[in-house]
N, C-alpha and C. Protein backbone atom coordinates (compact mmCIF):
# COMPACT_ATOMS: atom_id res chain seq x y z
N MET A 1 0.84 -1.18 0.00
CA MET A 1 0.00 0.00 0.00
C MET A 1 0.88 1.24 0.00
N PRO A 2 0.86 2.06 -1.05
CA PRO A 2 1.71 3.23 -1.12
C PRO A 2 1.41 4.22 0.00
N ASP A 3 2.46 4.82 0.51
CA ASP A 3 2.29 5.78 1.60
C ASP A 3 2.57 7.19 1.08
N LYS A 4 1.88 7.58 0.02
CA LYS A 4 2.12 8.88 -0.57
C LYS A 4 0.80 9.59 -0.78
N LYS A 5 0.86 10.90 -0.82
CA LYS A 5 -0.32 11.69 -1.10
C LYS A 5 -0.65 11.57 -2.58
N LEU A 6 -1.92 11.58 -2.88
CA LEU A 6 -2.34 11.47 -4.27
C LEU A 6 -2.25 12.83 -4.94
N LYS A 7 -1.70 12.84 -6.13
CA LYS A 7 -1.64 14.07 -6.91
C LYS A 7 -2.79 14.04 -7.90
N GLN A 8 -3.59 15.09 -7.89
CA GLN A 8 -4.79 15.12 -8.72
C GLN A 8 -4.49 14.95 -10.20
N ASP A 9 -3.42 15.55 -10.68
CA ASP A 9 -3.12 15.45 -12.11
C ASP A 9 -2.63 14.06 -12.50
N LYS A 10 -2.26 13.24 -11.53
CA LYS A 10 -1.75 11.90 -11.81
C LYS A 10 -2.74 10.81 -11.37
N LEU A 11 -3.90 11.21 -10.84
CA LEU A 11 -4.84 10.24 -10.31
C LEU A 11 -5.44 9.39 -11.41
N ASN A 12 -5.29 8.10 -11.27
CA ASN A 12 -5.94 7.15 -12.17
C ASN A 12 -7.20 6.70 -11.44
N VAL A 13 -8.34 7.19 -11.91
CA VAL A 13 -9.61 6.96 -11.23
C VAL A 13 -9.90 5.47 -11.11
N THR A 14 -9.69 4.72 -12.16
CA THR A 14 -9.97 3.28 -12.13
C THR A 14 -9.12 2.58 -11.08
N LYS A 15 -7.83 2.86 -11.06
CA LYS A 15 -6.94 2.22 -10.09
C LYS A 15 -7.29 2.64 -8.67
N ALA A 16 -7.65 3.91 -8.50
CA ALA A 16 -8.01 4.39 -7.16
C ALA A 16 -9.26 3.69 -6.66
N PHE A 17 -10.27 3.54 -7.53
CA PHE A 17 -11.48 2.82 -7.13
C PHE A 17 -11.18 1.36 -6.80
N LEU A 18 -10.33 0.73 -7.60
CA LEU A 18 -9.96 -0.66 -7.34
C LEU A 18 -9.25 -0.80 -6.00
N GLU A 19 -8.34 0.11 -5.72
CA GLU A 19 -7.63 0.05 -4.43
C GLU A 19 -8.59 0.27 -3.28
N LEU A 20 -9.51 1.20 -3.44
CA LEU A 20 -10.50 1.45 -2.41
C LEU A 20 -11.39 0.22 -2.20
N GLU A 21 -11.74 -0.44 -3.27
CA GLU A 21 -12.53 -1.67 -3.18
C GLU A 21 -11.76 -2.77 -2.46
N GLU A 22 -10.46 -2.90 -2.75
CA GLU A 22 -9.63 -3.90 -2.08
C GLU A 22 -9.57 -3.64 -0.58
N ILE A 23 -9.45 -2.38 -0.20
CA ILE A 23 -9.41 -2.03 1.22
C ILE A 23 -10.73 -2.38 1.88
N THR A 24 -11.83 -2.07 1.20
CA THR A 24 -13.15 -2.40 1.73
C THR A 24 -13.29 -3.91 1.94
N GLU A 25 -12.84 -4.68 0.96
CA GLU A 25 -12.90 -6.14 1.08
C GLU A 25 -12.06 -6.64 2.24
N TRP A 26 -10.90 -6.01 2.46
CA TRP A 26 -10.05 -6.41 3.58
C TRP A 26 -10.79 -6.22 4.90
N PHE A 27 -11.44 -5.05 5.04
CA PHE A 27 -12.20 -4.80 6.28
C PHE A 27 -13.36 -5.78 6.42
N GLU A 28 -14.02 -6.08 5.33
CA GLU A 28 -15.15 -7.00 5.37
C GLU A 28 -14.72 -8.43 5.67
N SER A 29 -13.46 -8.75 5.43
CA SER A 29 -12.97 -10.10 5.69
C SER A 29 -12.86 -10.39 7.19
N GLY A 30 -12.86 -9.35 8.00
CA GLY A 30 -12.84 -9.53 9.44
C GLY A 30 -11.46 -9.62 10.05
N GLU A 31 -10.42 -9.31 9.29
CA GLU A 31 -9.08 -9.34 9.88
C GLU A 31 -9.02 -8.30 11.00
N ALA A 32 -8.28 -8.62 12.04
CA ALA A 32 -8.30 -7.79 13.24
C ALA A 32 -6.97 -7.12 13.55
N ASP A 33 -6.13 -6.92 12.59
CA ASP A 33 -4.84 -6.27 12.83
C ASP A 33 -5.06 -4.76 12.92
N LEU A 34 -4.98 -4.23 14.13
CA LEU A 34 -5.29 -2.84 14.38
C LEU A 34 -4.37 -1.89 13.60
N ASP A 35 -3.07 -2.14 13.64
CA ASP A 35 -2.14 -1.25 12.95
C ASP A 35 -2.38 -1.24 11.44
N ALA A 36 -2.56 -2.42 10.87
CA ALA A 36 -2.84 -2.50 9.44
C ALA A 36 -4.17 -1.83 9.12
N GLY A 37 -5.14 -2.03 10.00
CA GLY A 37 -6.45 -1.42 9.79
C GLY A 37 -6.38 0.09 9.79
N LEU A 38 -5.60 0.65 10.70
CA LEU A 38 -5.46 2.11 10.75
C LEU A 38 -4.80 2.64 9.48
N LYS A 39 -3.77 1.95 9.01
CA LYS A 39 -3.09 2.37 7.78
C LYS A 39 -4.03 2.28 6.58
N LYS A 40 -4.78 1.19 6.52
CA LYS A 40 -5.72 1.01 5.41
C LYS A 40 -6.83 2.05 5.47
N TYR A 41 -7.30 2.35 6.67
CA TYR A 41 -8.35 3.36 6.83
C TYR A 41 -7.84 4.73 6.35
N GLU A 42 -6.63 5.07 6.76
CA GLU A 42 -6.06 6.36 6.34
C GLU A 42 -5.93 6.42 4.82
N ARG A 43 -5.46 5.34 4.22
CA ARG A 43 -5.31 5.29 2.76
C ARG A 43 -6.68 5.41 2.08
N ALA A 44 -7.67 4.72 2.63
CA ALA A 44 -9.02 4.79 2.08
C ALA A 44 -9.55 6.22 2.12
N MET A 45 -9.29 6.92 3.19
CA MET A 45 -9.75 8.31 3.30
C MET A 45 -9.03 9.20 2.28
N GLU A 46 -7.74 8.96 2.07
CA GLU A 46 -6.99 9.72 1.05
C GLU A 46 -7.58 9.46 -0.33
N LEU A 47 -7.83 8.20 -0.63
CA LEU A 47 -8.40 7.84 -1.94
C LEU A 47 -9.78 8.46 -2.12
N ALA A 48 -10.61 8.36 -1.10
CA ALA A 48 -11.97 8.90 -1.19
C ALA A 48 -11.94 10.40 -1.44
N GLU A 49 -11.07 11.10 -0.76
CA GLU A 49 -10.97 12.56 -0.95
C GLU A 49 -10.46 12.89 -2.35
N ALA A 50 -9.44 12.19 -2.79
CA ALA A 50 -8.89 12.43 -4.13
C ALA A 50 -9.94 12.16 -5.20
N LEU A 51 -10.70 11.09 -5.03
CA LEU A 51 -11.75 10.77 -6.00
C LEU A 51 -12.87 11.81 -5.96
N ARG A 52 -13.21 12.29 -4.78
CA ARG A 52 -14.23 13.34 -4.65
C ARG A 52 -13.81 14.60 -5.39
N VAL A 53 -12.55 14.99 -5.20
CA VAL A 53 -12.03 16.18 -5.88
C VAL A 53 -12.01 15.98 -7.39
N ARG A 54 -11.59 14.81 -7.83
CA ARG A 54 -11.54 14.52 -9.27
C ARG A 54 -12.93 14.54 -9.89
N LEU A 55 -13.90 13.99 -9.19
CA LEU A 55 -15.28 14.00 -9.66
C LEU A 55 -15.80 15.42 -9.76
N GLU A 56 -15.49 16.23 -8.77
CA GLU A 56 -15.90 17.63 -8.78
C GLU A 56 -15.28 18.36 -9.98
N GLU A 57 -14.01 18.08 -10.26
CA GLU A 57 -13.36 18.70 -11.43
C GLU A 57 -14.05 18.28 -12.72
N ALA A 58 -14.40 17.01 -12.82
CA ALA A 58 -15.08 16.51 -14.02
C ALA A 58 -16.45 17.17 -14.17
N GLU A 59 -17.17 17.31 -13.08
CA GLU A 59 -18.49 17.96 -13.12
C GLU A 59 -18.36 19.41 -13.57
N ASN A 60 -17.34 20.10 -13.06
CA ASN A 60 -17.11 21.49 -13.46
C ASN A 60 -16.78 21.59 -14.95
N LYS A 61 -15.98 20.66 -15.44
CA LYS A 61 -15.62 20.64 -16.86
C LYS A 61 -16.86 20.40 -17.73
N ILE A 62 -17.73 19.49 -17.30
CA ILE A 62 -18.96 19.22 -18.05
C ILE A 62 -19.83 20.47 -18.09
N THR A 63 -19.92 21.16 -16.96
CA THR A 63 -20.71 22.40 -16.91
C THR A 63 -20.14 23.44 -17.88
N GLU A 64 -18.81 23.56 -17.92
CA GLU A 64 -18.16 24.51 -18.84
C GLU A 64 -18.48 24.14 -20.29
N ILE A 65 -18.40 22.88 -20.63
CA ILE A 65 -18.66 22.43 -21.99
C ILE A 65 -20.12 22.71 -22.35
N GLN A 66 -21.04 22.44 -21.44
CA GLN A 66 -22.45 22.67 -21.71
C GLN A 66 -22.72 24.17 -21.93
N LYS A 67 -22.11 25.02 -21.11
CA LYS A 67 -22.28 26.48 -21.28
C LYS A 67 -21.72 26.93 -22.62
N LYS A 68 -20.58 26.39 -22.99
CA LYS A 68 -19.92 26.78 -24.23
C LYS A 68 -20.78 26.43 -25.44
N HIS A 69 -21.45 25.30 -25.39
CA HIS A 69 -22.20 24.83 -26.55
C HIS A 69 -23.68 25.17 -26.51
N SER A 70 -24.12 25.81 -25.46
CA SER A 70 -25.54 26.17 -25.39
C SER A 70 -25.76 27.65 -25.71
N ALA A 71 -24.70 28.35 -26.01
CA ALA A 71 -24.82 29.79 -26.30
C ALA A 71 -25.39 30.07 -27.66
């Protein structure tokens, strides 16, 4: 599990979703390693925030395109 901050311009949405899904599956498996769980939780929060920001950027871009072509 990489221990780096996500850069928005380098975010691969598909890979980020897959990693988030893997973390979710790990938690659902019932493993009880507290330290690993904390690290995975922190990573999941980083991924979720990066994906939220990326989605917001995409929504803004769509709005710009719609305004440009509806004039």
